[in-house]
Amino acid sequence: MTYFLHYNDSDNVRRVSNVLHICTTNDANGNPRRLIVCLGDYGHVTAVFSEGYDWGGLYHLHKPFANWTNLHAVRVNVTISEFNRWKSFEPAM
């Protein structure tokens, strides 16, 4: 199955074929450090979401897509420095 991400600020549409769940140790306050990385057909990053406690807010955006990513995400445990490199792809809030 493939999903398409539609961005509100443009006519940009990106195809999502695979999902990575990038994980590292919790921060000093015990908060989880995890990312949801959406990949296109050729492995390029199409979107990055901080997981937080609500699966990156995806359940509020589109529940079927959130369920699909939750079921099919490949968990990858990384070091803190590698996590920070992945996080750099996340858009600023």
C-alpha atoms as a PDB file:
ATOM      1  CA  MET A   1       0.000   0.000   0.000  1.00  0.00           C
ATOM      2  CA  THR A   2       1.125   3.523  -0.712  1.00  0.00           C
ATOM      3  CA  TYR A   3      -0.054   6.771   0.861  1.00  0.00           C
ATOM      4  CA  PHE A   4       0.271  10.324  -0.368  1.00  0.00           C
ATOM      5  CA  LEU A   5       1.121  13.272   1.879  1.00  0.00           C
ATOM      6  CA  HIS A   6      -0.542  16.545   0.922  1.00  0.00           C
ATOM      7  CA  TYR A   7       1.023  19.700   2.309  1.00  0.00           C
ATOM      8  CA  ASN A   8      -1.339  22.571   3.178  1.00  0.00           C
ATOM      9  CA  ASP A   9       1.065  25.362   2.249  1.00  0.00           C
ATOM     10  CA  SER A  10       1.582  24.268  -1.373  1.00  0.00           C
ATOM     11  CA  ASP A  11       0.476  21.969  -4.153  1.00  0.00           C
ATOM     12  CA  ASN A  12       3.195  19.583  -3.049  1.00  0.00           C
ATOM     13  CA  VAL A  13       2.172  15.904  -2.890  1.00  0.00           C
ATOM     14  CA  ARG A  14       4.627  13.239  -1.781  1.00  0.00           C
ATOM     15  CA  ARG A  15       4.296   9.500  -2.027  1.00  0.00           C
ATOM     16  CA  VAL A  16       5.064   7.395   1.090  1.00  0.00           C
ATOM     17  CA  SER A  17       6.048   3.772   0.507  1.00  0.00           C
ATOM     18  CA  ASN A  18       8.005   2.899   3.638  1.00  0.00           C
ATOM     19  CA  VAL A  19       8.244   4.156   7.216  1.00  0.00           C
ATOM     20  CA  LEU A  20      11.166   4.074   9.663  1.00  0.00           C
ATOM     21  CA  HIS A  21      10.747   4.430  13.415  1.00  0.00           C
ATOM     22  CA  ILE A  22      14.064   5.976  14.545  1.00  0.00           C
ATOM     23  CA  CYS A  23      14.614   5.419  18.289  1.00  0.00           C
ATOM     24  CA  THR A  24      17.284   6.263  20.851  1.00  0.00           C
ATOM     25  CA  THR A  25      17.473   6.548  24.639  1.00  0.00           C
ATOM     26  CA  ASN A  26      15.126   8.869  26.547  1.00  0.00           C
ATOM     27  CA  ASP A  27      16.277  12.393  27.347  1.00  0.00           C
ATOM     28  CA  ALA A  28      17.322  13.568  30.826  1.00  0.00           C
ATOM     29  CA  ASN A  29      13.669  14.173  31.786  1.00  0.00           C
ATOM     30  CA  GLY A  30      12.615  10.677  30.726  1.00  0.00           C
ATOM     31  CA  ASN A  31      10.862  11.825  27.558  1.00  0.00           C
ATOM     32  CA  PRO A  32      11.124   9.468  24.580  1.00  0.00           C
ATOM     33  CA  ARG A  33      13.283  10.475  21.617  1.00  0.00           C
ATOM     34  CA  ARG A  34      11.698   8.835  18.607  1.00  0.00           C
ATOM     35  CA  LEU A  35      10.996   9.895  15.043  1.00  0.00           C
ATOM     36  CA  ILE A  36       8.663   8.674  12.345  1.00  0.00           C
ATOM     37  CA  VAL A  37      10.462   8.965   8.993  1.00  0.00           C
ATOM     38  CA  CYS A  38       8.385   8.551   5.837  1.00  0.00           C
ATOM     39  CA  LEU A  39      10.290   7.374   2.769  1.00  0.00           C
ATOM     40  CA  GLY A  40       9.386   7.560  -0.907  1.00  0.00           C
ATOM     41  CA  ASP A  41       9.694   4.841  -3.540  1.00  0.00           C
ATOM     42  CA  TYR A  42      13.449   5.312  -3.898  1.00  0.00           C
ATOM     43  CA  GLY A  43      14.281   5.698  -0.198  1.00  0.00           C
ATOM     44  CA  HIS A  44      14.297   9.492  -0.088  1.00  0.00           C
ATOM     45  CA  VAL A  45      12.887  11.223   2.993  1.00  0.00           C
ATOM     46  CA  THR A  46       9.437  12.679   2.309  1.00  0.00           C
ATOM     47  CA  ALA A  47       8.458  13.633   5.877  1.00  0.00           C
ATOM     48  CA  VAL A  48       9.719  13.446   9.473  1.00  0.00           C
ATOM     49  CA  PHE A  49       7.530  13.610  12.583  1.00  0.00           C
ATOM     50  CA  SER A  50       8.566  13.574  16.250  1.00  0.00           C
ATOM     51  CA  GLU A  51       6.652  10.685  17.783  1.00  0.00           C
ATOM     52  CA  GLY A  52       5.856  12.222  21.153  1.00  0.00           C
ATOM     53  CA  TYR A  53       2.972  10.524  22.931  1.00  0.00           C
ATOM     54  CA  ASP A  54       0.467  10.609  20.057  1.00  0.00           C
ATOM     55  CA  TRP A  55       2.395   9.029  17.169  1.00  0.00           C
ATOM     56  CA  GLY A  56       3.554  12.379  15.831  1.00  0.00           C
ATOM     57  CA  GLY A  57       0.066  13.863  15.778  1.00  0.00           C
ATOM     58  CA  LEU A  58      -0.749  11.641  12.802  1.00  0.00           C
ATOM     59  CA  TYR A  59      -3.923  10.286  14.400  1.00  0.00           C
ATOM     60  CA  HIS A  60      -5.303  13.843  14.384  1.00  0.00           C
ATOM     61  CA  LEU A  61      -4.282  14.384  10.749  1.00  0.00           C
ATOM     62  CA  HIS A  62      -5.319  11.114   9.114  1.00  0.00           C
ATOM     63  CA  LYS A  63      -6.205   8.054  11.176  1.00  0.00           C
ATOM     64  CA  PRO A  64      -5.851   5.391   8.407  1.00  0.00           C
ATOM     65  CA  PHE A  65      -2.374   6.705   7.554  1.00  0.00           C
ATOM     66  CA  ALA A  66      -1.432   6.741  11.261  1.00  0.00           C
ATOM     67  CA  ASN A  67      -2.605   3.141  11.650  1.00  0.00           C
ATOM     68  CA  TRP A  68      -0.686   2.075   8.538  1.00  0.00           C
ATOM     69  CA  THR A  69       2.547   3.748   9.702  1.00  0.00           C
ATOM     70  CA  ASN A  70       2.146   2.297  13.198  1.00  0.00           C
ATOM     71  CA  LEU A  71       1.767  -1.236  11.809  1.00  0.00           C
ATOM     72  CA  HIS A  72       4.425  -1.100   9.089  1.00  0.00           C
ATOM     73  CA  ALA A  73       7.166   1.083  10.562  1.00  0.00           C
ATOM     74  CA  VAL A  74      10.567  -0.578  10.770  1.00  0.00           C
ATOM     75  CA  ARG A  75      12.151   0.182  14.143  1.00  0.00           C
ATOM     76  CA  VAL A  76      15.774   1.317  13.956  1.00  0.00           C
ATOM     77  CA  ASN A  77      17.719   1.877  17.203  1.00  0.00           C
ATOM     78  CA  VAL A  78      20.425   4.519  16.774  1.00  0.00           C
ATOM     79  CA  THR A  79      22.896   6.531  18.844  1.00  0.00           C
ATOM     80  CA  ILE A  80      21.945  10.010  20.059  1.00  0.00           C
ATOM     81  CA  SER A  81      24.181  11.686  17.445  1.00  0.00           C
ATOM     82  CA  GLU A  82      22.595   9.644  14.628  1.00  0.00           C
ATOM     83  CA  PHE A  83      19.137  10.499  16.011  1.00  0.00           C
ATOM     84  CA  ASN A  84      20.037  14.203  15.872  1.00  0.00           C
ATOM     85  CA  ARG A  85      21.073  13.824  12.226  1.00  0.00           C
ATOM     86  CA  TRP A  86      17.686  12.289  11.392  1.00  0.00           C
ATOM     87  CA  LYS A  87      15.913  14.994  13.426  1.00  0.00           C
ATOM     88  CA  SER A  88      17.588  17.680  11.298  1.00  0.00           C
ATOM     89  CA  PHE A  89      15.248  16.618   8.451  1.00  0.00           C
ATOM     90  CA  GLU A  90      12.213  17.585  10.566  1.00  0.00           C
ATOM     91  CA  PRO A  91      10.647  20.916   9.590  1.00  0.00           C
ATOM     92  CA  ALA A  92      10.821  23.696  12.162  1.00  0.00           C
ATOM     93  CA  MET A  93       7.600  24.337  14.094  1.00  0.00           C
END
